[in-house]
C-alpha cells in the first residue's frame, strides 16, 4: 500500500504541501550514507504510485545508492509490495535529471516475479 512519510514532507517553498493533498508532495530525509540527503517527489495519479529521488550533499547531486532506494521503498510502500524501476526502450526515454531514479507500482496489480532463484 502506497503511503508517504509525513514527517519528511516539505511544507515550505514553491513545492511545499500538506497532508490535505494526499500522497503527493516533496519529501526530504537522510540518506543511508552519512552526510547525504535524499530528495523525493511522490505522486499517485494516472493509475501509478511513483517516487522520483536523488541524493545530495551540500550543493552536489548524486545518484541514489541501492541502500537509498531500499529506504525509499520502505518509506513509501509496504514490506509486501513489489515496486519496479523501469528501463524503457530508448525511443521512450525521458531523462530530465541524470541523478534521479524512479520507483513505480501500478495500482491494483500484483507483479509476476521471476522464480526466486533468479532474483
N, C-alpha and C. Protein backbone atom coordinates (compact mmCIF):
# COMPACT_ATOMS: atom_id res chain seq x y z
N UNK A 1 0.84 -1.18 0.00
CA UNK A 1 0.00 0.00 0.00
C UNK A 1 0.88 1.24 0.00
N UNK A 2 0.61 2.15 -0.90
CA UNK A 2 1.38 3.38 -1.02
C UNK A 2 1.05 4.31 0.14
N UNK A 3 2.08 4.89 0.70
CA UNK A 3 1.93 5.83 1.80
C UNK A 3 3.06 6.84 1.69
N UNK A 4 2.94 7.94 2.39
CA UNK A 4 4.02 8.93 2.37
C UNK A 4 4.49 9.18 3.81
N UNK A 5 5.79 9.44 3.97
CA UNK A 5 6.32 9.73 5.31
C UNK A 5 6.09 11.19 5.68
N UNK A 6 4.95 11.48 6.27
CA UNK A 6 4.54 12.86 6.55
C UNK A 6 5.61 13.65 7.31
N UNK A 7 6.36 12.99 8.20
CA UNK A 7 7.36 13.70 8.99
C UNK A 7 8.46 14.31 8.13
N UNK A 8 8.60 13.82 6.88
CA UNK A 8 9.63 14.34 5.98
C UNK A 8 9.06 15.24 4.88
N UNK A 9 7.76 15.53 4.93
CA UNK A 9 7.13 16.34 3.89
C UNK A 9 7.66 17.77 3.92
N UNK A 10 7.96 18.30 2.74
CA UNK A 10 8.38 19.70 2.60
C UNK A 10 7.12 20.56 2.62
N UNK A 11 7.03 21.44 3.60
CA UNK A 11 5.81 22.26 3.74
C UNK A 11 6.01 23.70 3.28
N UNK A 12 7.24 24.09 3.01
CA UNK A 12 7.53 25.47 2.60
C UNK A 12 7.98 25.52 1.15
N UNK A 13 8.01 26.72 0.60
CA UNK A 13 8.53 26.93 -0.74
C UNK A 13 7.53 26.60 -1.83
N UNK A 14 7.99 26.72 -3.04
CA UNK A 14 7.12 26.55 -4.21
C UNK A 14 6.56 25.13 -4.32
N UNK A 15 7.29 24.13 -3.81
CA UNK A 15 6.84 22.74 -3.86
C UNK A 15 6.25 22.27 -2.54
N UNK A 16 6.10 23.19 -1.59
CA UNK A 16 5.57 22.83 -0.28
C UNK A 16 4.12 22.37 -0.34
N UNK A 17 3.75 21.48 0.56
CA UNK A 17 2.38 20.98 0.62
C UNK A 17 2.09 20.47 2.03
N UNK A 18 0.85 20.03 2.23
CA UNK A 18 0.50 19.38 3.49
C UNK A 18 -0.31 18.12 3.17
N UNK A 19 -0.68 17.40 4.20
CA UNK A 19 -1.35 16.11 4.00
C UNK A 19 -2.71 16.22 3.32
N UNK A 20 -3.25 17.43 3.21
CA UNK A 20 -4.57 17.58 2.58
C UNK A 20 -4.56 17.21 1.10
N UNK A 21 -3.38 17.18 0.48
CA UNK A 21 -3.32 16.79 -0.94
C UNK A 21 -3.05 15.30 -1.11
N UNK A 22 -3.02 14.57 -0.02
CA UNK A 22 -2.86 13.12 -0.10
C UNK A 22 -1.43 12.67 -0.27
N UNK A 23 -1.23 11.70 -1.17
CA UNK A 23 0.07 11.05 -1.33
C UNK A 23 0.98 11.74 -2.34
N UNK A 24 0.77 12.99 -2.60
CA UNK A 24 1.64 13.74 -3.50
C UNK A 24 2.42 14.76 -2.69
N UNK A 25 3.64 15.04 -3.14
CA UNK A 25 4.42 16.06 -2.47
C UNK A 25 5.91 15.82 -2.58
N UNK A 26 6.66 16.71 -1.93
CA UNK A 26 8.12 16.65 -1.87
C UNK A 26 8.50 16.22 -0.47
N UNK A 27 9.50 15.33 -0.38
CA UNK A 27 9.93 14.79 0.90
C UNK A 27 11.45 14.78 0.94
N UNK A 28 12.02 15.25 2.05
CA UNK A 28 13.47 15.30 2.23
C UNK A 28 13.83 14.54 3.49
N UNK A 29 14.79 13.61 3.39
CA UNK A 29 15.16 12.78 4.53
C UNK A 29 16.60 12.28 4.37
N UNK A 30 17.21 11.86 5.48
CA UNK A 30 18.62 11.44 5.43
C UNK A 30 18.82 10.18 4.58
N UNK A 31 19.91 10.19 3.85
CA UNK A 31 20.36 9.03 3.08
C UNK A 31 20.93 7.98 4.03
N UNK A 32 21.15 6.79 3.52
CA UNK A 32 21.86 5.78 4.30
C UNK A 32 23.35 6.11 4.37
N UNK A 33 23.81 7.04 3.52
CA UNK A 33 25.20 7.49 3.53
C UNK A 33 25.28 8.75 4.38
N UNK A 34 26.08 8.69 5.43
CA UNK A 34 26.19 9.80 6.37
C UNK A 34 26.52 11.11 5.65
N UNK A 35 25.78 12.15 6.00
CA UNK A 35 26.01 13.47 5.44
C UNK A 35 25.23 13.77 4.18
N UNK A 36 24.63 12.77 3.58
CA UNK A 36 23.83 12.98 2.37
C UNK A 36 22.35 13.03 2.72
N UNK A 37 21.61 13.73 1.88
CA UNK A 37 20.15 13.80 2.00
C UNK A 37 19.53 13.21 0.74
N UNK A 38 18.33 12.69 0.90
CA UNK A 38 17.54 12.23 -0.23
C UNK A 38 16.37 13.18 -0.43
N UNK A 39 16.07 13.46 -1.68
CA UNK A 39 15.00 14.38 -2.05
C UNK A 39 14.06 13.63 -2.98
N UNK A 40 12.81 13.48 -2.57
CA UNK A 40 11.86 12.67 -3.32
C UNK A 40 10.62 13.47 -3.68
N UNK A 41 10.07 13.16 -4.84
CA UNK A 41 8.77 13.68 -5.25
C UNK A 41 7.86 12.47 -5.43
N UNK A 42 6.74 12.46 -4.73
CA UNK A 42 5.81 11.34 -4.78
C UNK A 42 4.51 11.77 -5.45
N UNK A 43 3.89 10.81 -6.14
CA UNK A 43 2.57 11.05 -6.73
C UNK A 43 1.85 9.71 -6.85
N UNK A 44 0.53 9.78 -6.96
CA UNK A 44 -0.26 8.56 -7.12
C UNK A 44 -1.37 8.73 -8.14
N UNK A 45 -1.11 9.55 -9.14
CA UNK A 45 -2.10 9.77 -10.20
C UNK A 45 -1.88 8.87 -11.40
N UNK A 46 -2.80 8.87 -12.32
CA UNK A 46 -2.73 8.13 -13.58
C UNK A 46 -2.59 6.63 -13.40
N UNK A 47 -3.05 6.10 -12.26
CA UNK A 47 -3.02 4.66 -12.06
C UNK A 47 -1.72 4.09 -11.55
N UNK A 48 -0.76 4.95 -11.23
CA UNK A 48 0.54 4.50 -10.73
C UNK A 48 0.91 5.23 -9.45
N UNK A 49 1.54 4.50 -8.53
CA UNK A 49 2.24 5.13 -7.41
C UNK A 49 3.67 5.32 -7.88
N UNK A 50 4.22 6.51 -7.66
CA UNK A 50 5.53 6.85 -8.23
C UNK A 50 6.32 7.71 -7.26
N UNK A 51 7.61 7.40 -7.13
CA UNK A 51 8.52 8.25 -6.36
C UNK A 51 9.79 8.43 -7.19
N UNK A 52 10.17 9.68 -7.41
CA UNK A 52 11.46 10.00 -8.02
C UNK A 52 12.36 10.53 -6.92
N UNK A 53 13.65 10.20 -6.98
CA UNK A 53 14.54 10.54 -5.88
C UNK A 53 15.97 10.79 -6.37
N UNK A 54 16.61 11.78 -5.75
CA UNK A 54 18.05 12.00 -5.96
C UNK A 54 18.69 12.26 -4.60
N UNK A 55 20.00 12.12 -4.56
CA UNK A 55 20.76 12.34 -3.33
C UNK A 55 21.58 13.61 -3.47
N UNK A 56 21.88 14.25 -2.33
CA UNK A 56 22.74 15.44 -2.36
C UNK A 56 23.57 15.53 -1.08
N UNK A 57 24.66 16.25 -1.20
CA UNK A 57 25.48 16.63 -0.05
C UNK A 57 25.97 18.03 -0.36
N UNK A 58 25.59 18.97 0.47
CA UNK A 58 25.84 20.40 0.22
C UNK A 58 25.20 20.75 -1.12
N UNK A 59 25.95 21.23 -2.09
CA UNK A 59 25.37 21.60 -3.38
C UNK A 59 25.63 20.57 -4.47
N UNK A 60 26.18 19.41 -4.12
CA UNK A 60 26.47 18.36 -5.09
C UNK A 60 25.31 17.36 -5.13
N UNK A 61 24.95 16.94 -6.34
CA UNK A 61 23.90 15.93 -6.51
C UNK A 61 24.54 14.59 -6.85
N UNK A 62 23.87 13.51 -6.41
CA UNK A 62 24.36 12.16 -6.63
C UNK A 62 23.21 11.25 -7.02
N UNK A 63 23.53 10.18 -7.72
CA UNK A 63 22.56 9.12 -7.98
C UNK A 63 22.39 8.34 -6.68
N UNK A 64 21.16 8.06 -6.27
CA UNK A 64 20.96 7.28 -5.04
C UNK A 64 21.58 5.89 -5.15
N UNK A 65 22.09 5.40 -4.04
CA UNK A 65 22.67 4.05 -3.97
C UNK A 65 21.56 3.02 -3.73
N UNK A 66 21.92 1.74 -3.85
CA UNK A 66 20.96 0.66 -3.62
C UNK A 66 20.30 0.80 -2.26
N UNK A 67 21.10 1.03 -1.22
CA UNK A 67 20.54 1.17 0.13
C UNK A 67 19.57 2.33 0.24
N UNK A 68 19.85 3.42 -0.49
CA UNK A 68 18.93 4.56 -0.52
C UNK A 68 17.59 4.15 -1.14
N UNK A 69 17.65 3.42 -2.24
CA UNK A 69 16.42 3.02 -2.92
C UNK A 69 15.62 2.03 -2.07
N UNK A 70 16.32 1.19 -1.30
CA UNK A 70 15.61 0.30 -0.37
C UNK A 70 14.91 1.11 0.71
N UNK A 71 15.58 2.15 1.21
CA UNK A 71 14.97 3.04 2.20
C UNK A 71 13.73 3.72 1.62
N UNK A 72 13.84 4.24 0.41
CA UNK A 72 12.70 4.90 -0.25
C UNK A 72 11.54 3.91 -0.39
N UNK A 73 11.84 2.70 -0.83
CA UNK A 73 10.80 1.68 -0.98
C UNK A 73 10.10 1.45 0.35
N UNK A 74 10.88 1.31 1.42
CA UNK A 74 10.29 1.03 2.74
C UNK A 74 9.50 2.21 3.30
N UNK A 75 9.92 3.44 2.99
CA UNK A 75 9.20 4.62 3.48
C UNK A 75 7.87 4.84 2.76
N UNK A 76 7.82 4.51 1.47
CA UNK A 76 6.65 4.85 0.66
C UNK A 76 5.73 3.66 0.36
N UNK A 77 6.20 2.43 0.57
CA UNK A 77 5.39 1.25 0.29
C UNK A 77 5.49 0.28 1.45
N UNK A 78 4.58 -0.68 1.47
CA UNK A 78 4.60 -1.72 2.49
C UNK A 78 5.66 -2.78 2.18
N UNK A 79 6.00 -3.55 3.19
CA UNK A 79 7.06 -4.55 3.02
C UNK A 79 6.66 -5.67 2.06
N UNK A 80 5.38 -5.87 1.84
CA UNK A 80 4.93 -6.91 0.91
C UNK A 80 4.64 -6.38 -0.49
N UNK A 81 4.89 -5.11 -0.74
CA UNK A 81 4.68 -4.53 -2.07
C UNK A 81 5.92 -4.73 -2.93
N UNK A 82 5.68 -5.06 -4.20
CA UNK A 82 6.75 -5.11 -5.18
C UNK A 82 6.70 -3.82 -5.98
N UNK A 83 7.83 -3.14 -6.09
CA UNK A 83 7.92 -1.93 -6.91
C UNK A 83 8.99 -2.15 -7.97
N UNK A 84 8.95 -1.35 -9.01
CA UNK A 84 9.78 -1.58 -10.18
C UNK A 84 10.51 -0.30 -10.57
N UNK A 85 11.74 -0.48 -11.06
CA UNK A 85 12.48 0.59 -11.73
C UNK A 85 12.51 0.20 -13.21
N UNK A 86 11.89 1.00 -14.05
CA UNK A 86 11.79 0.68 -15.48
C UNK A 86 13.04 1.13 -16.23
N UNK A 87 13.37 0.35 -17.24
CA UNK A 87 14.39 0.72 -18.22
C UNK A 87 13.72 0.60 -19.59
N UNK A 88 13.06 1.67 -20.04
CA UNK A 88 12.29 1.57 -21.29
C UNK A 88 13.19 1.57 -22.52
N UNK A 89 12.59 1.27 -23.65
CA UNK A 89 13.35 1.35 -24.90
C UNK A 89 13.79 2.80 -25.11
N UNK A 90 14.87 2.99 -25.84
CA UNK A 90 15.46 4.33 -25.99
C UNK A 90 14.49 5.36 -26.54
N UNK A 91 13.61 4.95 -27.43
CA UNK A 91 12.66 5.90 -28.01
C UNK A 91 11.66 6.41 -26.98
N UNK A 92 11.57 5.76 -25.83
CA UNK A 92 10.64 6.15 -24.76
C UNK A 92 11.32 6.87 -23.61
N UNK A 93 12.65 7.08 -23.70
CA UNK A 93 13.39 7.71 -22.60
C UNK A 93 12.89 9.12 -22.32
N UNK A 94 12.78 9.44 -21.05
CA UNK A 94 12.55 10.80 -20.58
C UNK A 94 13.56 11.00 -19.46
N UNK A 95 14.58 11.81 -19.69
CA UNK A 95 15.63 11.98 -18.69
C UNK A 95 15.83 13.47 -18.46
N UNK A 96 15.14 14.00 -17.48
CA UNK A 96 15.23 15.42 -17.17
C UNK A 96 16.42 15.71 -16.27
N UNK A 97 16.78 14.74 -15.44
CA UNK A 97 17.89 14.92 -14.50
C UNK A 97 18.66 13.62 -14.40
N UNK A 98 19.94 13.65 -14.73
CA UNK A 98 20.75 12.42 -14.77
C UNK A 98 20.98 11.79 -13.40
N UNK A 99 20.66 12.48 -12.31
CA UNK A 99 20.88 11.95 -10.97
C UNK A 99 19.62 11.35 -10.34
N UNK A 100 18.51 11.38 -11.05
CA UNK A 100 17.23 10.94 -10.48
C UNK A 100 16.92 9.50 -10.89
N UNK A 101 16.50 8.70 -9.90
CA UNK A 101 15.98 7.36 -10.14
C UNK A 101 14.50 7.33 -9.74
N UNK A 102 13.77 6.37 -10.30
CA UNK A 102 12.32 6.31 -10.10
C UNK A 102 11.90 4.92 -9.65
N UNK A 103 10.92 4.86 -8.76
CA UNK A 103 10.26 3.62 -8.38
C UNK A 103 8.79 3.74 -8.73
N UNK A 104 8.21 2.66 -9.25
CA UNK A 104 6.83 2.65 -9.72
C UNK A 104 6.09 1.43 -9.21
N UNK A 105 4.79 1.59 -9.05
CA UNK A 105 3.91 0.45 -8.77
C UNK A 105 2.55 0.76 -9.40
N UNK A 106 2.13 -0.11 -10.32
CA UNK A 106 0.81 0.06 -10.92
C UNK A 106 -0.23 -0.30 -9.87
N UNK A 107 -1.20 0.58 -9.69
CA UNK A 107 -2.22 0.38 -8.66
C UNK A 107 -3.13 -0.78 -9.03
N UNK A 108 -3.42 -1.62 -8.04
CA UNK A 108 -4.34 -2.73 -8.22
C UNK A 108 -3.77 -3.92 -8.96
N UNK A 109 -2.45 -3.95 -9.18
CA UNK A 109 -1.82 -5.04 -9.92
C UNK A 109 -0.75 -5.68 -9.05
N UNK A 110 -0.72 -7.01 -9.06
CA UNK A 110 0.35 -7.75 -8.39
C UNK A 110 1.31 -8.20 -9.48
N UNK A 111 2.56 -7.75 -9.43
CA UNK A 111 3.53 -8.08 -10.46
C UNK A 111 3.95 -9.55 -10.37
N UNK A 112 4.06 -10.17 -11.54
CA UNK A 112 4.60 -11.52 -11.59
C UNK A 112 6.12 -11.41 -11.55
N UNK A 113 6.73 -12.13 -10.63
CA UNK A 113 8.17 -12.10 -10.49
C UNK A 113 8.79 -13.35 -11.09
N UNK A 114 10.07 -13.27 -11.49
CA UNK A 114 10.77 -14.48 -11.93
C UNK A 114 10.88 -15.46 -10.76
N UNK A 115 11.24 -16.70 -11.03
CA UNK A 115 11.47 -17.63 -9.93
C UNK A 115 12.47 -17.06 -8.92
N UNK A 116 12.24 -17.37 -7.67
CA UNK A 116 13.06 -16.81 -6.58
C UNK A 116 14.55 -17.05 -6.79
N UNK A 117 14.92 -18.16 -7.39
CA UNK A 117 16.33 -18.47 -7.62
C UNK A 117 16.99 -17.52 -8.62
N UNK A 118 16.19 -16.78 -9.36
CA UNK A 118 16.72 -15.84 -10.35
C UNK A 118 16.77 -14.41 -9.85
N UNK A 119 16.16 -14.14 -8.71
CA UNK A 119 16.10 -12.77 -8.20
C UNK A 119 17.36 -12.45 -7.41
